[in-house]
């Protein structure tokens, strides 16, 4: 998915994420775990975001992945969603969905908003 974001959007998203991270540190720790798991398994960020937001993920479904690996991944997503503060964090995903799940994930991992300017093709 190609997303083009303004620096203002990215800076606002980063500030909101940082504020939420301070308010919900354990929830963000689990979210970072899921983002790193997504990267390690080489799944698309949009697949992760779709699962988190209860959207149709079929377009981004990883192919050639054993069912046991997908089950494990989906269990980790569900563990995050079952956390008490996850709804507050997921509100940020909804609010900044136009930026794209990939850019939001990279902001959470500590990338600067400036490094994510312009068109970025990350799935």
N, C-alpha and C. Protein backbone atom coordinates (compact mmCIF):
# COMPACT_ATOMS: atom_id res chain seq x y z
N UNK A 1 0.85 -1.17 0.00
CA UNK A 1 0.00 0.00 0.00
C UNK A 1 0.89 1.24 0.00
N UNK A 2 0.63 2.14 -0.91
CA UNK A 2 1.40 3.39 -0.98
C UNK A 2 0.64 4.44 -0.18
N UNK A 3 1.35 5.06 0.74
CA UNK A 3 0.75 6.14 1.51
C UNK A 3 1.65 7.36 1.44
N UNK A 4 1.01 8.50 1.32
CA UNK A 4 1.75 9.76 1.32
C UNK A 4 1.25 10.54 2.53
N UNK A 5 2.17 10.91 3.39
CA UNK A 5 1.81 11.59 4.63
C UNK A 5 2.53 12.92 4.72
N UNK A 6 1.84 13.89 5.28
CA UNK A 6 2.49 15.18 5.50
C UNK A 6 3.31 15.10 6.78
N UNK A 7 4.28 15.98 6.87
CA UNK A 7 5.11 16.00 8.07
C UNK A 7 4.26 16.33 9.30
N UNK A 8 3.26 17.18 9.12
CA UNK A 8 2.39 17.54 10.23
C UNK A 8 1.62 16.31 10.75
N UNK A 9 1.08 15.51 9.84
CA UNK A 9 0.37 14.29 10.23
C UNK A 9 1.29 13.35 11.00
N UNK A 10 2.48 13.17 10.48
CA UNK A 10 3.43 12.25 11.11
C UNK A 10 3.87 12.74 12.48
N UNK A 11 4.10 14.03 12.61
CA UNK A 11 4.52 14.59 13.89
C UNK A 11 3.39 14.47 14.92
N UNK A 12 2.16 14.76 14.51
CA UNK A 12 1.02 14.62 15.43
C UNK A 12 0.85 13.17 15.85
N UNK A 13 1.00 12.26 14.90
CA UNK A 13 0.86 10.84 15.23
C UNK A 13 1.96 10.42 16.21
N UNK A 14 3.19 10.85 15.96
CA UNK A 14 4.31 10.50 16.84
C UNK A 14 4.06 11.03 18.25
N UNK A 15 3.60 12.27 18.36
CA UNK A 15 3.33 12.86 19.67
C UNK A 15 2.23 12.08 20.40
N UNK A 16 1.17 11.72 19.68
CA UNK A 16 0.07 10.97 20.29
C UNK A 16 0.53 9.58 20.72
N UNK A 17 1.34 8.95 19.88
CA UNK A 17 1.87 7.62 20.23
C UNK A 17 2.78 7.70 21.44
N UNK A 18 3.65 8.70 21.48
CA UNK A 18 4.56 8.86 22.62
C UNK A 18 3.79 9.10 23.91
N UNK A 19 2.76 9.91 23.84
CA UNK A 19 1.94 10.20 25.01
C UNK A 19 1.22 8.93 25.49
N UNK A 20 0.69 8.18 24.56
CA UNK A 20 -0.01 6.94 24.91
C UNK A 20 0.97 5.90 25.45
N UNK A 21 2.17 5.90 24.91
CA UNK A 21 3.20 4.96 25.37
C UNK A 21 3.52 5.21 26.84
N UNK A 22 3.57 6.48 27.24
CA UNK A 22 3.82 6.82 28.64
C UNK A 22 2.64 6.42 29.53
N UNK A 23 1.45 6.56 29.01
CA UNK A 23 0.25 6.24 29.79
C UNK A 23 -0.01 4.74 29.90
N UNK A 24 0.43 3.99 28.88
CA UNK A 24 0.14 2.55 28.83
C UNK A 24 1.41 1.76 28.46
N UNK A 25 2.42 1.78 29.30
CA UNK A 25 3.71 1.16 28.93
C UNK A 25 3.64 -0.35 28.68
N UNK A 26 2.90 -1.09 29.45
CA UNK A 26 2.82 -2.55 29.24
C UNK A 26 2.10 -2.90 27.95
N UNK A 27 1.08 -2.13 27.64
CA UNK A 27 0.35 -2.36 26.39
C UNK A 27 1.25 -2.06 25.19
N UNK A 28 2.03 -1.00 25.28
CA UNK A 28 2.93 -0.67 24.18
C UNK A 28 4.05 -1.69 24.05
N UNK A 29 4.49 -2.23 25.16
CA UNK A 29 5.51 -3.28 25.12
C UNK A 29 4.99 -4.48 24.32
N UNK A 30 3.74 -4.85 24.55
CA UNK A 30 3.13 -5.97 23.82
C UNK A 30 2.94 -5.60 22.35
N UNK A 31 2.56 -4.35 22.08
CA UNK A 31 2.40 -3.90 20.69
C UNK A 31 3.73 -3.94 19.95
N UNK A 32 4.79 -3.51 20.60
CA UNK A 32 6.12 -3.58 19.99
C UNK A 32 6.50 -5.03 19.71
N UNK A 33 6.15 -5.92 20.62
CA UNK A 33 6.38 -7.35 20.41
C UNK A 33 5.66 -7.81 19.13
N UNK A 34 4.42 -7.41 18.96
CA UNK A 34 3.66 -7.81 17.77
C UNK A 34 4.26 -7.22 16.51
N UNK A 35 4.67 -5.97 16.56
CA UNK A 35 5.29 -5.34 15.38
C UNK A 35 6.59 -6.06 15.03
N UNK A 36 7.40 -6.37 16.03
CA UNK A 36 8.65 -7.10 15.76
C UNK A 36 8.37 -8.50 15.24
N UNK A 37 7.33 -9.14 15.75
CA UNK A 37 6.95 -10.46 15.25
C UNK A 37 6.50 -10.37 13.79
N UNK A 38 5.77 -9.33 13.47
CA UNK A 38 5.32 -9.11 12.09
C UNK A 38 6.52 -8.94 11.17
N UNK A 39 7.50 -8.17 11.59
CA UNK A 39 8.72 -7.96 10.79
C UNK A 39 9.50 -9.25 10.64
N UNK A 40 9.65 -9.99 11.74
CA UNK A 40 10.44 -11.22 11.73
C UNK A 40 9.81 -12.26 10.81
N UNK A 41 8.49 -12.36 10.87
CA UNK A 41 7.80 -13.34 10.02
C UNK A 41 7.64 -12.83 8.59
N UNK A 42 8.01 -11.60 8.34
CA UNK A 42 7.91 -10.95 7.05
C UNK A 42 6.47 -10.88 6.55
N UNK A 43 5.56 -10.62 7.51
CA UNK A 43 4.16 -10.39 7.18
C UNK A 43 4.00 -8.91 6.84
N UNK A 44 2.94 -8.60 6.14
CA UNK A 44 2.66 -7.22 5.79
C UNK A 44 2.11 -6.49 7.02
N UNK A 45 2.53 -5.25 7.19
CA UNK A 45 2.03 -4.44 8.29
C UNK A 45 0.52 -4.26 8.16
N UNK A 46 0.05 -4.21 6.94
CA UNK A 46 -1.38 -4.03 6.76
C UNK A 46 -2.15 -5.27 7.21
N UNK A 47 -1.54 -6.43 7.11
CA UNK A 47 -2.17 -7.65 7.63
C UNK A 47 -2.31 -7.52 9.15
N UNK A 48 -1.23 -7.10 9.79
CA UNK A 48 -1.26 -6.90 11.24
C UNK A 48 -2.32 -5.88 11.63
N UNK A 49 -2.32 -4.74 10.95
CA UNK A 49 -3.27 -3.68 11.25
C UNK A 49 -4.71 -4.12 11.03
N UNK A 50 -4.93 -4.88 9.98
CA UNK A 50 -6.28 -5.37 9.69
C UNK A 50 -6.76 -6.30 10.78
N UNK A 51 -5.87 -7.16 11.27
CA UNK A 51 -6.25 -8.05 12.37
C UNK A 51 -6.53 -7.26 13.65
N UNK A 52 -5.68 -6.28 13.93
CA UNK A 52 -5.87 -5.47 15.14
C UNK A 52 -7.17 -4.69 15.10
N UNK A 53 -7.54 -4.20 13.92
CA UNK A 53 -8.71 -3.34 13.79
C UNK A 53 -9.96 -4.09 13.35
N UNK A 54 -9.88 -5.41 13.31
CA UNK A 54 -11.02 -6.26 12.91
C UNK A 54 -11.52 -5.93 11.52
N UNK A 55 -10.60 -5.66 10.61
CA UNK A 55 -10.93 -5.39 9.22
C UNK A 55 -10.71 -6.66 8.40
N UNK A 56 -11.18 -6.63 7.16
CA UNK A 56 -10.95 -7.76 6.26
C UNK A 56 -9.46 -7.82 5.93
N UNK A 57 -8.84 -8.93 6.31
CA UNK A 57 -7.39 -9.08 6.10
C UNK A 57 -7.06 -10.01 4.95
N UNK A 58 -8.08 -10.47 4.23
CA UNK A 58 -7.85 -11.49 3.20
C UNK A 58 -6.92 -11.01 2.08
N UNK A 59 -6.96 -9.76 1.75
CA UNK A 59 -6.10 -9.22 0.69
C UNK A 59 -4.62 -9.27 1.09
N UNK A 60 -4.34 -9.24 2.37
CA UNK A 60 -2.96 -9.19 2.87
C UNK A 60 -2.53 -10.49 3.53
N UNK A 61 -3.36 -11.51 3.41
CA UNK A 61 -3.11 -12.80 4.04
C UNK A 61 -1.78 -13.38 3.55
N UNK A 62 -0.90 -13.78 4.47
CA UNK A 62 0.39 -14.33 4.05
C UNK A 62 0.21 -15.70 3.38
N UNK A 63 0.79 -15.85 2.24
CA UNK A 63 0.69 -17.13 1.55
C UNK A 63 1.92 -17.99 1.88
N UNK A 64 1.76 -19.26 1.72
CA UNK A 64 2.84 -20.23 1.94
C UNK A 64 3.36 -20.22 3.38
N UNK A 65 2.49 -19.91 4.31
CA UNK A 65 2.86 -19.91 5.72
C UNK A 65 2.09 -21.05 6.39
N UNK A 66 2.78 -21.89 7.14
CA UNK A 66 2.08 -22.99 7.81
C UNK A 66 0.97 -22.48 8.73
N UNK A 67 -0.10 -23.24 8.79
CA UNK A 67 -1.25 -22.86 9.62
C UNK A 67 -0.86 -22.68 11.08
N UNK A 68 0.09 -23.48 11.55
CA UNK A 68 0.51 -23.39 12.95
C UNK A 68 1.17 -22.04 13.24
N UNK A 69 1.90 -21.50 12.29
CA UNK A 69 2.56 -20.19 12.45
C UNK A 69 1.49 -19.09 12.45
N UNK A 70 0.53 -19.19 11.54
CA UNK A 70 -0.55 -18.20 11.50
C UNK A 70 -1.38 -18.24 12.78
N UNK A 71 -1.64 -19.43 13.28
CA UNK A 71 -2.38 -19.56 14.54
C UNK A 71 -1.64 -18.89 15.68
N UNK A 72 -0.35 -19.13 15.76
CA UNK A 72 0.47 -18.52 16.80
C UNK A 72 0.44 -17.00 16.69
N UNK A 73 0.59 -16.49 15.48
CA UNK A 73 0.57 -15.05 15.24
C UNK A 73 -0.78 -14.45 15.65
N UNK A 74 -1.85 -15.09 15.24
CA UNK A 74 -3.18 -14.59 15.55
C UNK A 74 -3.47 -14.67 17.06
N UNK A 75 -2.90 -15.65 17.73
CA UNK A 75 -3.03 -15.73 19.19
C UNK A 75 -2.33 -14.54 19.86
N UNK A 76 -1.17 -14.17 19.35
CA UNK A 76 -0.45 -13.02 19.89
C UNK A 76 -1.24 -11.73 19.68
N UNK A 77 -1.84 -11.60 18.52
CA UNK A 77 -2.70 -10.43 18.24
C UNK A 77 -3.86 -10.41 19.24
N UNK A 78 -4.47 -11.56 19.45
CA UNK A 78 -5.61 -11.63 20.37
C UNK A 78 -5.20 -11.32 21.80
N UNK A 79 -4.02 -11.79 22.21
CA UNK A 79 -3.53 -11.46 23.56
C UNK A 79 -3.42 -9.95 23.74
N UNK A 80 -2.93 -9.28 22.70
CA UNK A 80 -2.83 -7.83 22.77
C UNK A 80 -4.22 -7.21 22.89
N UNK A 81 -5.14 -7.65 22.05
CA UNK A 81 -6.49 -7.08 22.05
C UNK A 81 -7.22 -7.33 23.37
N UNK A 82 -6.84 -8.39 24.08
CA UNK A 82 -7.47 -8.71 25.36
C UNK A 82 -6.90 -7.90 26.52
N UNK A 83 -5.83 -7.17 26.29
CA UNK A 83 -5.23 -6.35 27.35
C UNK A 83 -6.18 -5.19 27.69
N UNK A 84 -6.22 -4.80 28.96
CA UNK A 84 -7.17 -3.76 29.39
C UNK A 84 -7.04 -2.43 28.65
N UNK A 85 -5.83 -2.01 28.33
CA UNK A 85 -5.62 -0.70 27.70
C UNK A 85 -5.52 -0.76 26.18
N UNK A 86 -5.69 -1.93 25.59
CA UNK A 86 -5.49 -2.04 24.15
C UNK A 86 -6.47 -1.18 23.36
N UNK A 87 -7.69 -1.02 23.86
CA UNK A 87 -8.68 -0.20 23.15
C UNK A 87 -8.21 1.25 23.02
N UNK A 88 -7.54 1.75 24.05
CA UNK A 88 -7.03 3.12 24.00
C UNK A 88 -5.95 3.27 22.94
N UNK A 89 -5.09 2.28 22.85
CA UNK A 89 -4.01 2.31 21.86
C UNK A 89 -4.59 2.13 20.46
N UNK A 90 -5.56 1.26 20.31
CA UNK A 90 -6.15 1.03 19.00
C UNK A 90 -6.94 2.24 18.49
N UNK A 91 -7.37 3.10 19.41
CA UNK A 91 -8.01 4.35 18.98
C UNK A 91 -7.04 5.20 18.17
N UNK A 92 -5.76 5.13 18.53
CA UNK A 92 -4.74 5.87 17.77
C UNK A 92 -4.58 5.28 16.37
N UNK A 93 -4.64 3.96 16.27
CA UNK A 93 -4.56 3.32 14.96
C UNK A 93 -5.73 3.79 14.09
N UNK A 94 -6.91 3.91 14.69
CA UNK A 94 -8.08 4.38 13.95
C UNK A 94 -7.94 5.85 13.57
N UNK A 95 -7.47 6.66 14.52
CA UNK A 95 -7.35 8.10 14.28
C UNK A 95 -6.32 8.43 13.20
N UNK A 96 -5.26 7.64 13.14
CA UNK A 96 -4.18 7.92 12.19
C UNK A 96 -4.08 6.87 11.10
N UNK A 97 -5.19 6.22 10.81
CA UNK A 97 -5.21 5.16 9.81
C UNK A 97 -4.79 5.68 8.43
N UNK A 98 -5.05 6.94 8.14
CA UNK A 98 -4.69 7.50 6.83
C UNK A 98 -3.18 7.51 6.60
N UNK A 99 -2.42 7.50 7.67
CA UNK A 99 -0.95 7.45 7.56
C UNK A 99 -0.51 6.08 7.07
N UNK A 100 -1.24 5.06 7.46
CA UNK A 100 -0.91 3.69 7.08
C UNK A 100 -0.33 2.92 8.24
N UNK A 101 -0.66 1.64 8.29
CA UNK A 101 -0.20 0.80 9.39
C UNK A 101 1.33 0.65 9.40
N UNK A 102 1.93 0.67 8.25
CA UNK A 102 3.39 0.53 8.19
C UNK A 102 4.07 1.72 8.84
N UNK A 103 3.64 2.92 8.49
CA UNK A 103 4.26 4.12 9.05
C UNK A 103 3.98 4.24 10.54
N UNK A 104 2.76 3.90 10.95
CA UNK A 104 2.45 3.91 12.38
C UNK A 104 3.35 2.94 13.13
N UNK A 105 3.55 1.77 12.55
CA UNK A 105 4.41 0.77 13.18
C UNK A 105 5.84 1.27 13.29
N UNK A 106 6.33 1.89 12.24
CA UNK A 106 7.70 2.41 12.27
C UNK A 106 7.85 3.55 13.27
N UNK A 107 6.82 4.38 13.40
CA UNK A 107 6.86 5.43 14.43
C UNK A 107 6.92 4.81 15.82
N UNK A 108 6.15 3.77 16.03
CA UNK A 108 6.15 3.08 17.33
C UNK A 108 7.52 2.50 17.62
N UNK A 109 8.19 2.01 16.58
CA UNK A 109 9.52 1.44 16.76
C UNK A 109 10.61 2.49 16.91
N UNK A 110 10.24 3.77 16.81
CA UNK A 110 11.21 4.83 17.08
C UNK A 110 11.72 5.59 15.87
N UNK A 111 11.21 5.30 14.68
CA UNK A 111 11.63 6.07 13.51
C UNK A 111 11.14 7.50 13.65
N UNK A 112 11.91 8.42 13.11
CA UNK A 112 11.50 9.83 13.18
C UNK A 112 10.47 10.12 12.09
N UNK A 113 9.57 11.06 12.35
CA UNK A 113 8.58 11.42 11.33
C UNK A 113 9.23 11.88 10.03
N UNK A 114 10.35 12.56 10.14
CA UNK A 114 11.04 13.08 8.95
C UNK A 114 11.52 11.94 8.04
N UNK A 115 11.90 10.81 8.63
CA UNK A 115 12.40 9.70 7.83
C UNK A 115 11.28 8.99 7.07
N UNK A 116 10.04 9.30 7.39
CA UNK A 116 8.90 8.62 6.77
C UNK A 116 8.13 9.52 5.81
N UNK A 117 8.68 10.68 5.50
CA UNK A 117 8.00 11.62 4.60
C UNK A 117 7.95 11.10 3.19
N UNK A 118 6.90 11.53 2.49
CA UNK A 118 6.75 11.19 1.09
C UNK A 118 6.15 9.81 0.91
N UNK A 119 6.21 9.35 -0.32
CA UNK A 119 5.65 8.03 -0.66
C UNK A 119 6.59 6.96 -0.11
N UNK A 120 6.01 6.02 0.55
CA UNK A 120 6.76 4.93 1.15
C UNK A 120 6.00 3.66 0.84
N UNK A 121 6.66 2.72 0.21
CA UNK A 121 6.01 1.46 -0.12
C UNK A 121 6.49 0.41 0.85
N UNK A 122 5.65 0.12 1.82
CA UNK A 122 5.92 -0.92 2.81
C UNK A 122 4.60 -1.65 3.00
N UNK A 123 4.67 -2.94 2.95
CA UNK A 123 3.45 -3.72 3.14
C UNK A 123 3.52 -4.34 4.48
